[in-house]
Protein backbone atom coordinates (compact mmCIF):
# COMPACT_ATOMS: atom_id res chain seq x y z
CA MET A 1 -17.43 21.78 -60.22
CA ASN A 2 -13.82 22.47 -61.02
CA ASP A 3 -13.33 24.38 -57.76
CA GLY A 4 -14.41 21.38 -55.78
CA ASN A 5 -11.97 19.17 -57.60
CA THR A 6 -9.13 21.60 -56.97
CA ALA A 7 -9.76 21.77 -53.21
CA GLN A 8 -9.43 18.04 -52.76
CA PRO A 9 -5.80 17.79 -54.00
CA ASP A 10 -4.79 20.73 -51.85
CA LYS A 11 -6.20 19.06 -48.82
CA ALA A 12 -4.37 15.83 -49.58
CA MET A 13 -1.12 17.71 -50.08
CA ARG A 14 -1.45 19.51 -46.79
CA LYS A 15 -2.02 16.20 -45.08
CA THR A 16 1.06 14.70 -46.69
CA VAL A 17 3.17 17.66 -45.67
CA GLY A 18 1.89 17.40 -42.09
CA VAL A 19 2.80 13.75 -41.86
CA SER A 20 6.25 14.45 -43.29
CA LEU A 21 6.85 17.24 -40.84
CA SER A 22 5.74 15.00 -37.99
CA LEU A 23 8.17 12.28 -39.06
CA LEU A 24 10.93 14.85 -39.41
CA LEU A 25 10.28 16.17 -35.94
CA ILE A 26 10.31 12.65 -34.53
CA PHE A 27 13.59 11.93 -36.32
CA LEU A 28 15.14 15.15 -35.09
CA GLY A 29 14.01 14.34 -31.55
CA LEU A 30 15.52 10.92 -31.67
CA TRP A 31 18.74 12.26 -33.20
CA SER A 32 19.05 14.99 -30.65
CA SER A 33 18.43 12.58 -27.77
CA THR A 34 21.30 10.32 -28.89
CA ASN A 35 23.68 13.24 -29.30
CA LEU A 36 23.00 14.96 -26.01
CA VAL A 37 24.74 12.46 -23.64
CA GLU A 38 27.20 9.59 -24.09
CA GLY A 39 27.96 6.74 -21.71
CA LEU A 40 31.52 5.47 -21.11
CA ASP A 41 32.19 1.84 -20.18
CA ALA A 42 34.87 0.90 -17.61
CA THR A 43 36.92 -0.85 -20.33
CA GLU A 44 37.14 2.25 -22.57
CA VAL A 45 38.36 5.82 -22.80
CA MET A 46 36.93 8.43 -25.20
CA VAL A 47 37.42 11.86 -26.68
CA ILE A 48 34.44 14.16 -27.37
CA GLN A 49 34.82 16.88 -29.98
CA TYR A 50 32.14 19.55 -29.52
CA PRO A 51 30.78 21.56 -32.46
CA SER A 52 32.92 24.44 -31.24
CA GLY A 53 36.06 22.31 -31.77
CA THR A 54 36.82 21.79 -28.10
CA LEU A 55 38.20 18.32 -27.25
CA VAL A 56 37.32 16.65 -23.96
CA ALA A 57 39.10 13.51 -22.70
CA ALA A 58 36.97 11.10 -20.68
CA THR A 59 38.72 8.27 -18.77
CA GLU A 60 36.36 7.44 -15.89
CA PRO A 61 33.22 5.34 -16.51
CA GLY A 62 29.89 7.21 -16.47
CA TRP A 63 27.72 9.61 -18.51
CA TYR A 64 29.11 12.68 -20.28
CA ALA A 65 27.39 15.62 -22.04
CA GLN A 66 27.83 15.27 -25.78
CA TRP A 67 25.93 18.33 -27.03
CA PHE A 68 25.85 17.06 -30.55
CA GLY A 69 29.60 16.59 -30.55
CA ARG A 70 31.51 13.70 -32.21
CA VAL A 71 32.59 10.87 -29.95
CA GLN A 72 35.57 8.56 -30.51
CA LYS A 73 36.10 5.66 -28.16
CA TYR A 74 39.34 3.67 -27.64
CA PRO A 75 39.83 0.38 -25.77
CA LEU A 76 41.54 0.91 -22.42
CA ARG A 77 43.56 -2.21 -23.15
CA SER A 78 43.92 -4.24 -26.33
CA GLN A 79 46.06 -6.98 -27.83
CA PHE A 80 48.01 -6.67 -31.06
CA SER A 81 48.98 -9.79 -32.96
CA PHE A 82 52.10 -10.10 -35.08
CA SER A 83 51.49 -13.82 -35.39
CA ALA A 84 52.05 -16.21 -38.24
CA PHE A 85 49.05 -18.23 -37.11
CA LEU A 86 45.79 -17.45 -38.88
CA ASP A 87 43.68 -17.91 -35.74
CA GLN A 88 45.45 -14.99 -34.04
CA GLY A 89 44.68 -11.49 -35.28
CA VAL A 90 43.79 -11.20 -38.95
CA GLU A 91 43.71 -14.17 -41.28
CA LYS A 92 47.18 -13.64 -42.69
CA ASP A 93 50.80 -13.98 -41.65
CA GLU A 94 51.79 -10.79 -39.78
CA SER A 95 55.07 -12.06 -38.29
CA LEU A 96 58.07 -9.71 -38.03
CA ARG A 97 61.19 -10.17 -40.18
CA LEU A 98 64.60 -10.52 -38.49
CA ARG A 99 68.08 -10.34 -39.98
CA PHE A 100 71.01 -11.61 -37.88
CA ASN A 101 74.68 -10.61 -37.98
CA ASP A 102 75.65 -13.80 -39.86
CA GLY A 103 73.26 -12.98 -42.71
CA GLY A 104 70.56 -15.40 -41.66
CA HIS A 105 66.88 -14.49 -41.65
CA ALA A 106 63.89 -15.50 -39.54
CA ASN A 107 60.30 -14.50 -38.89
CA VAL A 108 59.27 -13.97 -35.27
CA SER A 109 55.64 -14.54 -34.36
CA GLY A 110 53.72 -13.55 -31.23
CA VAL A 111 51.32 -11.15 -29.53
CA ILE A 112 51.63 -8.07 -27.33
CA SER A 113 49.11 -6.21 -25.19
CA TRP A 114 49.02 -2.42 -25.08
CA GLU A 115 47.22 0.19 -22.97
CA MET A 116 45.93 3.62 -23.94
CA PRO A 117 47.13 6.64 -21.92
CA THR A 118 44.71 7.87 -19.28
CA ASP A 119 46.06 11.40 -18.90
CA ARG A 120 44.37 14.16 -20.94
CA GLU A 121 47.51 15.39 -22.69
CA HIS A 122 48.54 12.07 -24.22
CA LEU A 123 44.97 10.91 -24.91
CA ILE A 124 44.19 14.10 -26.86
CA MET A 125 47.55 13.79 -28.67
CA VAL A 126 46.77 10.22 -29.77
CA HIS A 127 43.28 11.22 -30.90
CA ARG A 128 44.47 14.21 -32.93
CA LYS A 129 47.25 12.25 -34.62
CA PHE A 130 45.49 8.96 -35.31
CA GLY A 131 41.76 9.31 -34.62
CA ASN A 132 40.83 5.64 -34.03
CA PRO A 133 42.16 2.40 -32.47
CA HIS A 134 43.00 0.70 -35.77
CA ALA A 135 45.23 3.61 -36.76
CA VAL A 136 46.95 3.43 -33.38
CA GLU A 137 47.79 -0.24 -33.96
CA GLN A 138 48.93 0.18 -37.54
CA GLN A 139 50.80 3.46 -37.13
CA ILE A 140 52.27 3.12 -33.62
CA ILE A 141 52.24 -0.47 -32.33
CA ARG A 142 53.30 -2.35 -35.44
CA PRO A 143 56.01 0.12 -36.62
CA THR A 144 57.43 0.14 -33.08
CA LEU A 145 57.66 -3.67 -33.06
CA GLU A 146 59.14 -3.77 -36.56
CA SER A 147 61.83 -1.29 -35.52
CA ALA A 148 62.63 -3.33 -32.40
CA ALA A 149 62.94 -6.52 -34.48
CA TYR A 150 65.12 -4.79 -37.05
CA THR A 151 67.59 -3.50 -34.45
CA SER A 152 67.61 -6.67 -32.31
CA GLY A 153 68.63 -9.13 -35.03
CA PRO A 154 72.18 -7.77 -35.64
CA LEU A 155 73.00 -8.17 -31.94
CA MET A 156 73.43 -11.95 -32.38
CA SER A 157 73.87 -14.70 -34.94
CA SER A 158 71.00 -16.85 -36.15
CA THR A 159 72.33 -19.92 -34.35
CA GLU A 160 72.78 -17.92 -31.15
CA SER A 161 69.17 -16.76 -31.36
CA ALA A 162 68.12 -20.40 -31.41
CA ALA A 163 70.33 -21.39 -28.48
CA GLU A 164 72.25 -19.42 -25.87
CA LYS A 165 70.76 -15.99 -26.73
CA ARG A 166 67.17 -17.07 -27.27
CA ASN A 167 65.92 -15.25 -24.18
CA LEU A 168 68.06 -12.21 -24.98
CA LEU A 169 66.28 -11.81 -28.30
CA LEU A 170 62.95 -11.44 -26.51
CA GLN A 171 64.54 -9.08 -23.97
CA TYR A 172 66.11 -6.88 -26.65
CA MET A 173 62.87 -6.63 -28.68
CA GLN A 174 60.72 -5.84 -25.68
CA ASP A 175 63.11 -3.23 -24.23
CA GLN A 176 63.56 -1.40 -27.53
CA ALA A 177 59.83 -1.45 -28.32
CA LYS A 178 59.01 0.06 -24.95
CA ASN A 179 61.92 2.49 -24.43
CA GLY A 180 63.52 3.10 -27.82
CA ALA A 181 66.11 1.67 -30.20
CA TYR A 182 69.67 1.10 -28.94
CA HIS A 183 72.56 3.17 -30.18
CA THR A 184 74.98 0.57 -31.55
CA ARG A 185 78.39 0.44 -33.13
CA THR A 186 79.75 -2.14 -35.57
CA VAL A 187 82.51 -4.43 -34.33
CA THR A 188 84.43 -7.23 -36.03
CA ILE A 189 84.35 -10.56 -34.23
CA ARG A 190 85.38 -14.11 -34.98
CA VAL A 191 82.78 -16.81 -34.54
CA PRO A 192 82.82 -20.52 -35.40
CA ASP A 193 81.00 -21.45 -38.56
CA PRO A 194 77.88 -23.49 -37.67
CA LEU A 195 78.64 -26.09 -40.37
CA THR A 196 82.43 -26.45 -40.47
CA GLY A 197 83.34 -25.26 -36.99
CA ILE A 198 86.10 -23.11 -38.51
CA GLU A 199 86.27 -19.56 -37.19
CA LYS A 200 85.26 -16.78 -39.53
CA THR A 201 85.19 -12.99 -39.28
CA VAL A 202 81.80 -11.28 -39.17
CA ASN A 203 80.52 -7.79 -38.43
CA ALA A 204 78.26 -7.55 -35.42
CA ALA A 205 76.38 -4.78 -33.67
CA GLU A 206 77.39 -3.88 -30.14
CA ILE A 207 75.24 -1.83 -27.78
CA VAL A 208 76.81 1.44 -26.64
CA MET A 209 76.63 1.67 -22.86
CA GLU A 210 76.84 4.75 -20.68
CA GLY A 211 76.66 4.64 -16.89
CA GLY A 212 75.73 0.98 -17.03
CA LYS A 213 72.68 1.69 -19.20
CA PRO A 214 72.21 1.39 -22.98
CA VAL A 215 72.29 4.61 -24.97
CA ARG A 216 69.10 5.12 -27.01
CA GLU A 217 69.22 6.06 -30.67
CA GLN A 218 65.68 7.41 -30.48
CA GLU A 219 62.72 7.26 -28.12
CA SER A 220 60.01 4.70 -28.70
CA ALA A 221 56.92 6.06 -30.48
CA ALA A 222 54.73 4.23 -28.00
CA LYS A 223 56.49 5.99 -25.15
CA VAL A 224 56.17 9.38 -26.86
CA PHE A 225 52.37 9.00 -27.04
CA GLY A 226 52.08 7.54 -23.53
CA ILE A 227 51.06 4.08 -24.72
CA ASN A 228 52.14 1.33 -22.34
CA LEU A 229 53.43 -1.86 -23.98
CA LEU A 230 53.06 -4.95 -21.79
CA PRO A 231 55.50 -7.91 -22.01
CA MET A 232 55.29 -9.57 -25.39
CA SER A 233 54.87 -13.28 -25.96
CA ILE A 234 56.74 -15.04 -28.78
CA ASN A 235 55.14 -18.25 -30.02
CA GLN A 236 57.42 -19.06 -32.96
CA ILE A 237 60.69 -18.15 -34.65
CA LYS A 238 60.71 -19.56 -38.17
CA TYR A 239 64.15 -19.54 -39.79
CA ASP A 240 64.99 -19.80 -43.46
CA SER A 241 65.53 -23.37 -44.61
CA SER A 242 69.33 -22.96 -44.83
CA ILE A 243 69.46 -21.59 -41.30
CA GLU A 244 67.19 -24.37 -40.06
CA GLN A 245 69.65 -26.90 -41.51
CA GLN A 246 72.58 -25.13 -39.84
CA ILE A 247 70.77 -25.15 -36.52
CA THR A 248 69.93 -28.85 -36.92
CA ASN A 249 73.55 -29.70 -37.78
CA ARG A 250 74.77 -27.67 -34.84
CA GLN A 251 72.37 -29.41 -32.52
CA ILE A 252 73.55 -32.80 -33.77
CA ALA A 253 77.18 -31.76 -33.27
CA ILE A 254 76.44 -30.39 -29.83
CA GLN A 255 74.62 -33.57 -28.89
CA GLY A 256 77.62 -35.59 -30.07
CA VAL A 257 79.96 -33.45 -28.01
CA GLN A 258 77.67 -33.69 -25.02
CA ILE A 259 77.48 -37.47 -25.35
CA ALA A 260 81.28 -37.67 -25.66
CA GLN A 261 81.69 -35.38 -22.68
CA ALA A 262 79.16 -37.40 -20.73
CA ASN A 263 81.01 -40.63 -21.57
CA ALA A 264 84.34 -39.05 -20.62
CA LEU A 265 82.88 -37.77 -17.39
CA LYS A 266 81.39 -41.19 -16.71
CA ALA A 267 84.72 -42.90 -17.34
CA GLU A 268 86.45 -40.36 -15.14
CA GLN A 269 83.83 -40.81 -12.48
CA ASP A 270 84.17 -44.58 -12.72
CA ALA A 271 87.93 -44.25 -12.25
CA ILE A 272 87.41 -41.96 -9.30
CA THR A 273 84.81 -44.33 -7.89
CA THR A 274 87.18 -47.29 -8.27
CA GLU A 275 89.99 -45.34 -6.65
CA LYS A 276 87.78 -44.13 -3.85
CA THR A 277 86.42 -47.66 -3.36
CA GLY A 278 89.96 -49.02 -3.10
CA GLN A 279 90.91 -46.25 -0.71
CA ALA A 280 87.82 -46.96 1.34
CA ARG A 281 88.62 -50.67 1.49
CA ALA A 282 92.26 -49.96 2.35
CA ALA A 283 91.15 -47.53 5.02
CA GLU A 284 88.66 -50.07 6.29
CA ALA A 285 91.36 -52.76 6.49
CA LYS A 286 93.77 -50.33 8.09
CA TRP A 287 91.26 -49.29 10.68
CA ALA A 288 90.32 -52.92 11.28
CA GLN A 289 94.00 -53.57 12.10
CA GLU A 290 94.06 -50.39 14.13
CA ALA A 291 91.04 -51.68 16.03
CA ILE A 292 92.80 -54.99 16.70
CA LYS A 293 95.94 -53.11 17.70
CA ALA A 294 93.94 -50.86 19.97
CA GLN A 295 92.31 -53.93 21.52
CA LYS A 296 95.69 -55.62 22.05
CA VAL A 297 97.17 -52.43 23.43
CA THR A 298 94.21 -52.08 25.74
CA GLU A 299 94.54 -55.67 26.91
CA ALA A 300 98.30 -55.27 27.42
CA GLN A 301 97.70 -52.01 29.22
CA GLN A 302 95.16 -53.71 31.40
CA LYS A 303 97.58 -56.58 32.17
CA LEU A 304 100.34 -54.09 32.91
CA GLU A 305 98.11 -52.15 35.20
CA VAL A 306 96.99 -55.38 36.90
CA ALA A 307 100.62 -56.50 37.29
CA GLN A 308 101.56 -53.09 38.63
CA LEU A 309 98.69 -53.26 41.07
CA GLU A 310 99.67 -56.82 42.08
CA ALA A 311 103.29 -55.72 42.51
CA GLN A 312 102.17 -52.80 44.59
CA ALA A 313 99.96 -55.17 46.60
CA ALA A 314 102.90 -57.60 47.07
CA GLU A 315 105.14 -54.73 48.07
CA GLN A 316 102.56 -53.60 50.57
CA TYR A 317 102.16 -57.15 51.85
CA LYS A 318 105.94 -57.46 52.14
CA ARG A 319 106.14 -54.24 54.06
CA LYS A 320 103.27 -55.43 56.21
CA MET A 321 105.00 -58.73 57.00
CA ILE A 322 108.32 -57.01 57.66
CA LEU A 323 106.64 -54.52 59.91
CA GLU A 324 104.73 -57.30 61.66
CA GLY A 325 107.99 -59.33 62.04
CA GLN A 326 109.84 -56.32 63.28
CA GLY A 327 107.03 -55.61 65.69
CA GLU A 328 106.92 -59.19 66.89
CA ALA A 329 110.72 -59.33 67.27
CA GLU A 330 110.73 -56.01 69.04
CA LYS A 331 107.89 -57.26 71.25
CA LYS A 332 109.76 -60.44 72.07
CA GLN A 333 112.94 -58.48 72.63
CA LEU A 334 111.12 -56.19 75.00
CA VAL A 335 109.58 -59.16 76.82
CA MET A 336 112.96 -60.86 77.00
CA ASN A 337 114.54 -57.68 78.25
CA ALA A 338 111.80 -57.40 80.85
CA ASP A 339 111.95 -61.00 82.31
CA GLY A 340 115.13 -62.38 80.82
CA ALA A 341 113.23 -64.70 78.54
CA LEU A 342 111.95 -66.52 81.51
CA ASP A 343 109.10 -68.24 79.69
CA GLN A 344 111.39 -69.63 77.01
CA LYS A 345 114.00 -70.72 79.48
CA LEU A 346 111.42 -72.44 81.65
CA ALA A 347 109.97 -74.18 78.66
CA ALA A 348 113.42 -75.34 77.60
CA TYR A 349 114.22 -76.42 81.13
CA ILE A 350 111.01 -78.43 81.34
CA GLU A 351 111.76 -80.14 78.06
CA ILE A 352 115.28 -80.99 79.27
CA GLN A 353 113.91 -82.44 82.45
CA LYS A 354 111.43 -84.47 80.45
CA ALA A 355 114.29 -85.80 78.36
CA TYR A 356 116.32 -86.72 81.44
CA ALA A 357 113.35 -88.36 83.04
CA ALA A 358 112.61 -90.39 79.92
CA ALA A 359 116.24 -91.45 79.59
CA ILE A 360 116.49 -92.53 83.23
CA GLU A 361 113.17 -94.30 83.01
CA ASN A 362 114.25 -96.37 80.07
CA TYR A 363 117.72 -97.15 81.52
CA LYS A 364 117.87 -100.79 82.76
CA GLY A 365 121.39 -100.93 84.11
CA ASN A 366 122.90 -100.06 87.50
CA TRP A 367 123.41 -96.40 88.21
CA VAL A 368 126.18 -97.18 90.87
CA PRO A 369 128.58 -100.05 91.34
CA GLN A 370 127.25 -103.07 93.14
CA ILE A 371 130.21 -103.16 95.47
CA VAL A 372 131.46 -100.01 97.10
CA SER A 373 134.53 -99.95 99.21
CA GLY A 374 135.58 -97.16 101.41
CA GLY A 375 132.48 -95.27 100.88
CA ALA A 376 131.68 -92.14 102.76
CA ASN A 377 129.75 -92.35 105.90
CA GLY A 378 126.05 -91.60 105.62
CA ALA A 379 125.79 -92.44 101.94
CA VAL A 380 122.46 -93.74 100.89
CA ALA A 381 122.45 -96.79 98.70
CA GLY A 382 120.38 -96.58 95.43
CA SER A 383 120.41 -92.70 95.20
CA GLY A 384 122.80 -92.51 92.24
CA ALA A 385 120.02 -91.76 89.78
CA GLN A 386 118.82 -88.85 91.79
CA GLN A 387 122.26 -87.46 92.06
CA MET A 388 122.65 -87.69 88.31
CA ILE A 389 119.40 -85.82 87.78
CA ASP A 390 120.43 -83.13 90.18
CA LEU A 391 123.73 -82.68 88.47
CA LEU A 392 122.15 -82.51 85.03
CA SER A 393 119.49 -80.07 86.24
CA ILE A 394 122.09 -77.80 87.72
CA LYS A 395 124.02 -77.93 84.45
CA ALA A 396 120.90 -77.16 82.42
CA ALA A 397 119.96 -74.30 84.69
CA ARG A 398 123.42 -72.89 84.44
CA ASP A 399 123.38 -73.20 80.70
CA LEU A 400 120.02 -71.46 80.53
CA GLY A 401 121.03 -68.82 83.02
CA LEU A 402 118.23 -69.78 85.41
CA ASP A 403 118.46 -69.08 89.09
CA MET A 404 116.29 -71.76 90.62
CA ALA A 405 116.66 -70.39 94.12
CA ILE A 406 113.55 -68.79 95.51
CA GLN A 407 114.38 -65.74 97.51
CA GLY A 408 112.22 -65.36 100.58
CA ALA A 409 110.96 -62.35 102.40
CA ALA A 410 114.13 -62.20 104.47
CA ASN A 411 116.33 -61.82 101.45
CA THR A 412 113.99 -59.20 100.02
CA ALA A 413 114.22 -57.34 103.27
CA LYS A 414 118.02 -57.42 103.11
CA LYS A 415 118.00 -55.53 99.91
């Protein structure tokens, strides 16, 4: 009876142990399956530490043998916030503190992206020194930015950082964070006081240059570990209240100066405009007179040229008439020399005869006495008129040099 009771608990125990062993085997199978291989996403890099202590860097996406080793993954690229805004990064103000060479303070807020190294040497170095992404940000990225902010502030005054050197502040911080802090020396300079405008002496940091490049005090920690810092973005520079008031006063003063300068420039420009307008009007009037003068000169020139042409034409006409007269006279002279001016003499002789005939015709008296005593024998009564005509004709012919005798063939033959 007792033996039967004892066998039942043993059987139940063996069953319980079997179930437990089965569960243990299942657990070990699942555990071993998850520790045999590990997948790597394209946005990550990882380091696998095998049980033997060997470290393997994986940078290309795919599957890798884990062999029960420990895997640590890092983002290939991430963004670190040093912002004062609670919706960026953690829910607290993580802005960086700045101190300028005039003693003013400010907090600079922004974000910066960073990239993990993809070469084995630097990736293993980062993993051995820091072990996880959060440590990288807190022990490399943030201290590097804090150092850059600390060494950039003394390179300018607080008012300069808000005005003419605003972009330089970003440039200085970014360059020093990426490549290392500048080696600087302290110099004494005189700058105008933002409130009074009176110059005062301050100590300022000056970058030591060599070969046209800044000398580095130390290499950036990010550069040492092969971490690439991308250009940072600043979203706010919050100054202390006293500095904010100085900046406001300076801006008001600058605006006043700018307005005064603008008014002076406007007045000067108005004077120049008035002068130029007067000069333009004077030039316009002058050139209007010059145009009238040019027109008058042109007209006078035209008249002169016309008169010269008319004079030349008259001279040519005169020469023509003289030449024609000379030709006509020479022609007549030649004709006269050829026939002794026979035509003219005959014409004159005819006119004389006409005059004699008209005179005799109109004469009503007696041409001879009515009583003639002792007259010559053979005289013909009533021929006195004819005798008068003959005498006058002979006289006219003699005067004209005419030989009224007609030489016959006999006379021609005599010659």
